[in-house]
Structures are given as C-alpha cells and as structure tokens.
C-alpha atoms as a PDB file:
ATOM      1  CA  MET A   1       0.044   0.015   0.031  1.00  0.00           C
ATOM      2  CA  GLN A   2       1.364   3.417  -0.906  1.00  0.00           C
ATOM      3  CA  GLU A   3       2.491   5.418   2.038  1.00  0.00           C
ATOM      4  CA  LYS A   4       0.989   8.864   2.531  1.00  0.00           C
ATOM      5  CA  TYR A   5       2.956  11.767   3.598  1.00  0.00           C
ATOM      6  CA  HIS A   6       1.468  14.887   5.287  1.00  0.00           C
ATOM      7  CA  PHE A   7       3.192  18.216   4.925  1.00  0.00           C
ATOM      8  CA  PRO A   8       2.771  21.180   7.287  1.00  0.00           C
ATOM      9  CA  GLN A   9       0.439  23.821   5.754  1.00  0.00           C
ATOM     10  CA  GLY A  10       2.220  25.984   3.303  1.00  0.00           C
ATOM     11  CA  LEU A  11       5.466  23.936   3.154  1.00  0.00           C
ATOM     12  CA  HIS A  12       4.833  22.353  -0.217  1.00  0.00           C
ATOM     13  CA  THR A  13       3.786  25.521  -1.935  1.00  0.00           C
ATOM     14  CA  CYS A  14       6.138  28.029  -3.665  1.00  0.00           C
ATOM     15  CA  PRO A  15       5.676  31.786  -3.238  1.00  0.00           C
ATOM     16  CA  SER A  16       4.432  33.506  -6.332  1.00  0.00           C
ATOM     17  CA  TYR A  17       6.656  36.364  -7.088  1.00  0.00           C
ATOM     18  CA  HIS A  18       6.141  39.149  -9.579  1.00  0.00           C
ATOM     19  CA  TYR A  19       8.676  40.888 -11.902  1.00  0.00           C
ATOM     20  CA  TYR A  20       7.920  44.079 -13.864  1.00  0.00           C
ATOM     21  CA  MET A  21       9.848  45.740 -16.646  1.00  0.00           C
ATOM     22  CA  PHE A  22       9.466  49.476 -16.303  1.00  0.00           C
ATOM     23  CA  HIS A  23      10.530  52.247 -18.617  1.00  0.00           C
ATOM     24  CA  LYS A  24      11.425  54.860 -16.135  1.00  0.00           C
ATOM     25  CA  PRO A  25      10.748  58.378 -17.341  1.00  0.00           C
ATOM     26  CA  TYR A  26      12.957  61.399 -16.739  1.00  0.00           C
ATOM     27  CA  GLY A  27      12.090  63.358 -13.583  1.00  0.00           C
ATOM     28  CA  CYS A  28      10.928  60.677 -11.165  1.00  0.00           C
ATOM     29  CA  VAL A  29      13.119  59.319  -8.338  1.00  0.00           C
ATOM     30  CA  THR A  30      13.792  55.634  -7.506  1.00  0.00           C
ATOM     31  CA  ALA A  31      12.035  55.516  -4.166  1.00  0.00           C
ATOM     32  CA  HIS A  32       8.796  54.649  -2.356  1.00  0.00           C
ATOM     33  CA  ARG A  33       8.253  58.221  -1.057  1.00  0.00           C
ATOM     34  CA  ASP A  34       9.742  61.620  -1.779  1.00  0.00           C
ATOM     35  CA  ASP A  35       8.799  65.184  -0.650  1.00  0.00           C
ATOM     36  CA  ARG A  36       9.881  66.932  -3.823  1.00  0.00           C
ATOM     37  CA  PHE A  37       9.514  64.621  -6.791  1.00  0.00           C
ATOM     38  CA  PRO A  38       7.177  61.914  -8.094  1.00  0.00           C
ATOM     39  CA  THR A  39       8.501  58.331  -7.367  1.00  0.00           C
ATOM     40  CA  VAL A  40       8.760  55.309  -9.593  1.00  0.00           C
ATOM     41  CA  MET A  41       6.539  53.377  -7.131  1.00  0.00           C
ATOM     42  CA  GLU A  42       3.658  55.654  -7.785  1.00  0.00           C
ATOM     43  CA  TYR A  43       3.215  54.029 -11.227  1.00  0.00           C
ATOM     44  CA  PHE A  44       2.424  50.756  -9.439  1.00  0.00           C
ATOM     45  CA  THR A  45      -0.115  51.773  -6.905  1.00  0.00           C
ATOM     46  CA  GLU A  46      -2.836  50.030  -8.889  1.00  0.00           C
ATOM     47  CA  LEU A  47      -1.368  46.696  -8.080  1.00  0.00           C
ATOM     48  CA  HIS A  48      -1.952  47.106  -4.238  1.00  0.00           C
ATOM     49  CA  ASN A  49       1.379  45.182  -3.549  1.00  0.00           C
ATOM     50  CA  ASP A  50       3.236  46.673  -0.674  1.00  0.00           C
ATOM     51  CA  ARG A  51       6.042  44.170  -1.120  1.00  0.00           C
ATOM     52  CA  LEU A  52       7.244  45.578  -4.397  1.00  0.00           C
ATOM     53  CA  SER A  53      10.577  47.369  -4.547  1.00  0.00           C
ATOM     54  CA  PRO A  54      12.855  48.670  -7.316  1.00  0.00           C
ATOM     55  CA  VAL A  55      15.869  46.520  -8.245  1.00  0.00           C
ATOM     56  CA  GLY A  56      18.762  49.004  -7.770  1.00  0.00           C
ATOM     57  CA  ARG A  57      18.151  52.540  -8.822  1.00  0.00           C
ATOM     58  CA  LEU A  58      18.403  55.079 -11.644  1.00  0.00           C
ATOM     59  CA  ASP A  59      18.946  58.770 -10.736  1.00  0.00           C
ATOM     60  CA  ARG A  60      16.071  61.265 -11.382  1.00  0.00           C
ATOM     61  CA  GLU A  61      17.594  62.495 -14.782  1.00  0.00           C
ATOM     62  CA  THR A  62      18.222  58.920 -16.122  1.00  0.00           C
ATOM     63  CA  GLU A  63      15.542  57.115 -18.128  1.00  0.00           C
ATOM     64  CA  GLY A  64      15.134  53.469 -19.227  1.00  0.00           C
ATOM     65  CA  LEU A  65      15.163  50.010 -17.750  1.00  0.00           C
ATOM     66  CA  LEU A  66      14.209  49.613 -14.124  1.00  0.00           C
ATOM     67  CA  ILE A  67      12.891  46.308 -12.730  1.00  0.00           C
ATOM     68  CA  ILE A  68      10.342  46.181  -9.951  1.00  0.00           C
ATOM     69  CA  THR A  69       9.782  43.032  -7.849  1.00  0.00           C
ATOM     70  CA  ASP A  70       8.529  41.504  -4.685  1.00  0.00           C
ATOM     71  CA  ASP A  71      11.220  38.825  -4.794  1.00  0.00           C
ATOM     72  CA  GLY A  72      13.764  40.009  -2.245  1.00  0.00           C
ATOM     73  CA  LYS A  73      16.368  37.307  -2.860  1.00  0.00           C
ATOM     74  CA  TRP A  74      16.293  37.788  -6.554  1.00  0.00           C
ATOM     75  CA  ASN A  75      16.571  41.566  -6.060  1.00  0.00           C
ATOM     76  CA  GLN A  76      19.700  40.985  -3.949  1.00  0.00           C
ATOM     77  CA  ARG A  77      21.392  38.794  -6.475  1.00  0.00           C
ATOM     78  CA  MET A  78      20.780  41.366  -9.145  1.00  0.00           C
ATOM     79  CA  THR A  79      22.189  44.299  -7.106  1.00  0.00           C
ATOM     80  CA  HIS A  80      24.961  42.901  -4.889  1.00  0.00           C
ATOM     81  CA  PRO A  81      28.332  44.110  -6.138  1.00  0.00           C
ATOM     82  CA  ALA A  82      29.813  40.561  -6.010  1.00  0.00           C
ATOM     83  CA  TYR A  83      27.679  39.512  -8.908  1.00  0.00           C
ATOM     84  CA  GLN A  84      28.907  42.314 -11.234  1.00  0.00           C
ATOM     85  CA  LYS A  85      25.808  42.460 -13.422  1.00  0.00           C
ATOM     86  CA  GLN A  86      26.453  44.055 -16.781  1.00  0.00           C
ATOM     87  CA  LYS A  87      24.360  47.227 -17.200  1.00  0.00           C
ATOM     88  CA  THR A  88      24.217  48.860 -20.619  1.00  0.00           C
ATOM     89  CA  TYR A  89      23.387  52.519 -21.137  1.00  0.00           C
ATOM     90  CA  GLU A  90      23.032  54.937 -24.112  1.00  0.00           C
ATOM     91  CA  PHE A  91      24.497  58.384 -23.574  1.00  0.00           C
ATOM     92  CA  THR A  92      24.652  61.734 -25.090  1.00  0.00           C
ATOM     93  CA  ALA A  93      27.252  64.171 -23.791  1.00  0.00           C
ATOM     94  CA  LEU A  94      28.660  67.594 -24.450  1.00  0.00           C
ATOM     95  CA  GLY A  95      32.351  67.211 -25.348  1.00  0.00           C
ATOM     96  CA  GLU A  96      34.672  64.896 -27.232  1.00  0.00           C
ATOM     97  CA  LEU A  97      36.087  61.414 -26.614  1.00  0.00           C
ATOM     98  CA  ASP A  98      39.515  60.733 -28.184  1.00  0.00           C
ATOM     99  CA  ASN A  99      41.340  57.474 -27.961  1.00  0.00           C
ATOM    100  CA  GLU A 100      43.122  58.652 -24.842  1.00  0.00           C
ATOM    101  CA  LYS A 101      39.908  59.392 -22.924  1.00  0.00           C
ATOM    102  CA  LEU A 102      38.344  56.216 -24.217  1.00  0.00           C
ATOM    103  CA  ARG A 103      41.227  54.128 -22.842  1.00  0.00           C
ATOM    104  CA  ALA A 104      41.076  55.885 -19.487  1.00  0.00           C
ATOM    105  CA  LEU A 105      37.362  55.112 -19.198  1.00  0.00           C
ATOM    106  CA  GLN A 106      37.838  51.531 -20.361  1.00  0.00           C
ATOM    107  CA  ASN A 107      40.622  50.762 -17.913  1.00  0.00           C
ATOM    108  CA  GLY A 108      39.140  52.420 -14.920  1.00  0.00           C
ATOM    109  CA  ILE A 109      39.246  56.095 -13.782  1.00  0.00           C
ATOM    110  CA  LEU A 110      39.288  57.860 -10.414  1.00  0.00           C
ATOM    111  CA  LEU A 111      36.123  59.653  -9.690  1.00  0.00           C
ATOM    112  CA  ASN A 112      35.992  62.921  -7.747  1.00  0.00           C
ATOM    113  CA  GLY A 113      35.810  62.049  -4.114  1.00  0.00           C
ATOM    114  CA  SER A 114      36.891  58.446  -4.460  1.00  0.00           C
ATOM    115  CA  ASP A 115      40.257  56.715  -3.855  1.00  0.00           C
ATOM    116  CA  ILE A 116      39.367  53.582  -5.771  1.00  0.00           C
ATOM    117  CA  PRO A 117      39.160  53.682  -9.619  1.00  0.00           C
ATOM    118  CA  THR A 118      36.139  52.397 -11.399  1.00  0.00           C
ATOM    119  CA  ARG A 119      36.105  48.736 -12.755  1.00  0.00           C
ATOM    120  CA  PRO A 120      37.068  48.322 -16.330  1.00  0.00           C
ATOM    121  CA  CYS A 121      34.104  49.002 -18.669  1.00  0.00           C
ATOM    122  CA  GLN A 122      33.224  48.724 -22.287  1.00  0.00           C
ATOM    123  CA  ILE A 123      32.530  52.046 -24.208  1.00  0.00           C
ATOM    124  CA  THR A 124      31.697  52.524 -27.806  1.00  0.00           C
ATOM    125  CA  VAL A 125      31.168  55.770 -29.742  1.00  0.00           C
ATOM    126  CA  THR A 126      28.086  55.510 -31.901  1.00  0.00           C
ATOM    127  CA  GLY A 127      28.042  59.145 -33.332  1.00  0.00           C
ATOM    128  CA  THR A 128      28.903  62.781 -33.045  1.00  0.00           C
ATOM    129  CA  SER A 129      26.939  65.930 -33.587  1.00  0.00           C
ATOM    130  CA  VAL A 130      26.706  69.539 -32.380  1.00  0.00           C
ATOM    131  CA  LEU A 131      24.460  71.030 -29.703  1.00  0.00           C
ATOM    132  CA  SER A 132      22.071  72.730 -32.007  1.00  0.00           C
ATOM    133  CA  GLU A 133      21.183  69.461 -33.705  1.00  0.00           C
ATOM    134  CA  ILE A 134      20.290  67.599 -30.556  1.00  0.00           C
ATOM    135  CA  MET A 135      18.727  70.383 -28.610  1.00  0.00           C
ATOM    136  CA  PRO A 136      15.115  69.661 -29.846  1.00  0.00           C
ATOM    137  CA  ILE A 137      15.194  66.153 -28.446  1.00  0.00           C
ATOM    138  CA  LEU A 138      16.509  67.072 -24.915  1.00  0.00           C
ATOM    139  CA  HIS A 139      14.315  67.277 -21.857  1.00  0.00           C
ATOM    140  CA  PRO A 140      13.175  70.918 -21.230  1.00  0.00           C
ATOM    141  CA  GLU A 141      14.972  70.872 -17.869  1.00  0.00           C
ATOM    142  CA  VAL A 142      18.284  69.948 -19.576  1.00  0.00           C
ATOM    143  CA  LYS A 143      17.738  72.622 -22.298  1.00  0.00           C
ATOM    144  CA  ARG A 144      17.430  75.291 -19.608  1.00  0.00           C
ATOM    145  CA  ALA A 145      20.542  74.098 -17.936  1.00  0.00           C
ATOM    146  CA  ILE A 146      22.838  74.025 -21.035  1.00  0.00           C
ATOM    147  CA  GLY A 147      21.140  76.726 -23.052  1.00  0.00           C
ATOM    148  CA  ASN A 148      24.125  79.187 -22.598  1.00  0.00           C
ATOM    149  CA  ASN A 149      26.487  76.817 -24.573  1.00  0.00           C
ATOM    150  CA  ARG A 150      27.517  77.605 -28.088  1.00  0.00           C
ATOM    151  CA  PRO A 151      25.179  76.012 -30.732  1.00  0.00           C
ATOM    152  CA  CYS A 152      28.348  74.495 -32.347  1.00  0.00           C
ATOM    153  CA  HIS A 153      29.413  72.897 -29.074  1.00  0.00           C
ATOM    154  CA  PRO A 154      30.608  69.279 -29.973  1.00  0.00           C
ATOM    155  CA  VAL A 155      28.430  66.400 -28.879  1.00  0.00           C
ATOM    156  CA  ILE A 156      29.290  62.712 -28.482  1.00  0.00           C
ATOM    157  CA  MET A 157      26.919  59.760 -28.452  1.00  0.00           C
ATOM    158  CA  GLY A 158      27.709  56.155 -27.460  1.00  0.00           C
ATOM    159  CA  LYS A 159      27.098  53.056 -25.395  1.00  0.00           C
ATOM    160  CA  ILE A 160      28.696  52.116 -22.132  1.00  0.00           C
ATOM    161  CA  VAL A 161      28.556  48.901 -20.167  1.00  0.00           C
ATOM    162  CA  ILE A 162      29.479  48.935 -16.487  1.00  0.00           C
ATOM    163  CA  THR A 163      29.447  46.153 -13.836  1.00  0.00           C
ATOM    164  CA  GLU A 164      29.105  48.419 -10.608  1.00  0.00           C
ATOM    165  CA  GLY A 165      26.603  50.886  -9.501  1.00  0.00           C
ATOM    166  CA  ARG A 166      28.245  53.849  -7.789  1.00  0.00           C
ATOM    167  CA  LYS A 167      26.114  56.935  -7.305  1.00  0.00           C
ATOM    168  CA  ARG A 168      25.699  58.824 -10.612  1.00  0.00           C
ATOM    169  CA  GLN A 169      28.557  56.734 -11.830  1.00  0.00           C
ATOM    170  CA  ILE A 170      28.460  57.278 -15.528  1.00  0.00           C
ATOM    171  CA  ARG A 171      27.919  61.057 -15.224  1.00  0.00           C
ATOM    172  CA  ARG A 172      30.879  61.220 -12.968  1.00  0.00           C
ATOM    173  CA  MET A 173      33.059  59.113 -15.220  1.00  0.00           C
ATOM    174  CA  MET A 174      32.277  61.273 -18.163  1.00  0.00           C
ATOM    175  CA  LYS A 175      32.853  64.521 -16.113  1.00  0.00           C
ATOM    176  CA  ALA A 176      36.379  63.075 -15.258  1.00  0.00           C
ATOM    177  CA  VAL A 177      37.244  63.278 -18.938  1.00  0.00           C
ATOM    178  CA  ARG A 178      35.743  66.655 -19.360  1.00  0.00           C
ATOM    179  CA  CYS A 179      32.387  65.547 -20.870  1.00  0.00           C
ATOM    180  CA  CYS A 180      28.853  66.473 -19.605  1.00  0.00           C
ATOM    181  CA  VAL A 181      26.145  63.933 -19.905  1.00  0.00           C
ATOM    182  CA  VAL A 182      22.940  65.520 -21.184  1.00  0.00           C
ATOM    183  CA  ALA A 183      20.890  62.371 -21.800  1.00  0.00           C
ATOM    184  CA  LEU A 184      21.316  58.902 -20.307  1.00  0.00           C
ATOM    185  CA  LYS A 185      19.197  55.779 -20.721  1.00  0.00           C
ATOM    186  CA  ARG A 186      19.645  52.244 -19.503  1.00  0.00           C
ATOM    187  CA  ILE A 187      18.702  49.707 -22.047  1.00  0.00           C
ATOM    188  CA  SER A 188      19.641  46.404 -20.541  1.00  0.00           C
ATOM    189  CA  ILE A 189      20.796  44.461 -17.375  1.00  0.00           C
ATOM    190  CA  ASP A 190      22.682  41.334 -18.301  1.00  0.00           C
ATOM    191  CA  ASN A 191      20.193  39.569 -20.749  1.00  0.00           C
ATOM    192  CA  ILE A 192      17.159  41.554 -19.723  1.00  0.00           C
ATOM    193  CA  VAL A 193      16.557  44.138 -22.446  1.00  0.00           C
ATOM    194  CA  LEU A 194      14.122  47.040 -22.275  1.00  0.00           C
ATOM    195  CA  ASP A 195      11.177  46.425 -24.590  1.00  0.00           C
ATOM    196  CA  GLU A 196      11.301  48.943 -27.347  1.00  0.00           C
ATOM    197  CA  ASN A 197       7.484  49.130 -27.361  1.00  0.00           C
ATOM    198  CA  LEU A 198       7.401  50.393 -23.711  1.00  0.00           C
ATOM    199  CA  LYS A 199       7.004  54.194 -23.646  1.00  0.00           C
ATOM    200  CA  PRO A 200       8.358  56.158 -20.684  1.00  0.00           C
ATOM    201  CA  GLY A 201       6.034  55.658 -17.666  1.00  0.00           C
ATOM    202  CA  GLU A 202       4.854  52.130 -19.012  1.00  0.00           C
ATOM    203  CA  TRP A 203       5.550  48.721 -17.537  1.00  0.00           C
ATOM    204  CA  LYS A 204       4.734  45.064 -18.224  1.00  0.00           C
ATOM    205  CA  GLU A 205       5.132  41.861 -16.217  1.00  0.00           C
ATOM    206  CA  PHE A 206       7.887  39.505 -17.461  1.00  0.00           C
ATOM    207  CA  SER A 207       9.622  36.297 -16.432  1.00  0.00           C
ATOM    208  CA  PRO A 208      13.385  36.825 -15.701  1.00  0.00           C
END
C-alpha cells in the first residue's frame, strides 16, 4: 500500500513572485516616497502590492530599464556588487572622446571624491553631432541648464557597459574626462533588455 505523507500547511507551496519591466521616465526618483519629486513606485499603486521594490536605482535624470519586484532574494542577486551584473546605457554628452579618454574610461578612472578607480568597462562611440542638432530632443529641464553653450559645441553619443553601481557613476566618469552627460538611458541589465514598445512611464510583467 502506498504510504501517505503529510506536509505542514504551506510547506509544499512555492511563493508567487512578480517581476515588472518599467521604462522609467525622466524626472521621477527611484524611491517609495519623496517630498519633492514623483517616485517610480507611484506608477504601481494600482497593483496594491506593498512588497514591491525597485531593483537597484536610476537617478532622477536617467531614463530606461528599471525592474520592480517583490522577490527579495532575486533583487539582492541582481544588485549585490559581488555578482557584477552588466548594465548597458546609451548616452549623449557635451564634449569629445578621443582615444586617450576612451582608454582611460575603459581601464578604470578615479572619480572625484573616491580613492578607488572604477572597474574596467566597455564603451563605444556611436556618433557625433553639435548642440544645435540635438537640442530639440532634450528634456526641457536639460535645455534650460545648457542653453548658454554655443550651438556648435561638440556632442558625442555612445554606449557604455558597467558592472558596478556607484552613485551617478556614468555622469561622474564622463565628467572626469571633461564631458557632460545631457541624456542617459539604461537599455539592459545582463540579458534583460528594455522592450522597445514600452514608452516612458509604461511597464509590463515578465519572467526573468
């Protein structure tokens, strides 16, 4: 006769976690609450899930891929420095990147206020322009901040892949080589790629 086993209630069930791909818009902060700015979590109030939290963070001026989940262990694996997850960004910056500056960024560079250089990264230049040509596509807040620059000021566009997450890291890296980031968008974390159909402020559930 087959033997029957009795499990304590809940022991044989697996928790059901949720994972959301969010296209973070410019201007909101990665937080649950903020006294000055809208937060990313305000976009998820309709789900009525208090366990949801952002996976890492993007600064207020950065757009792009942000993952929201209620799976705390997965969140930790994605954000702990030991795992060195690759994060890919598209950037637009005032200034120029010659071979010497590119090598400095790729090999690791000292940031202002830090004694430890950044980890080696991958950086690729995808285009060049001038300020007058990119001005129409910039956020109004950025336009006001850089409006006094010459219309012919050189502009560089590219992609950068980093494996750490220091505060405002890419902006500080570019500043160290005399470039000023005016647009920054995260497009992937490891093999999780931002869905091109998601507009800023939109999200969808997915399986990582």
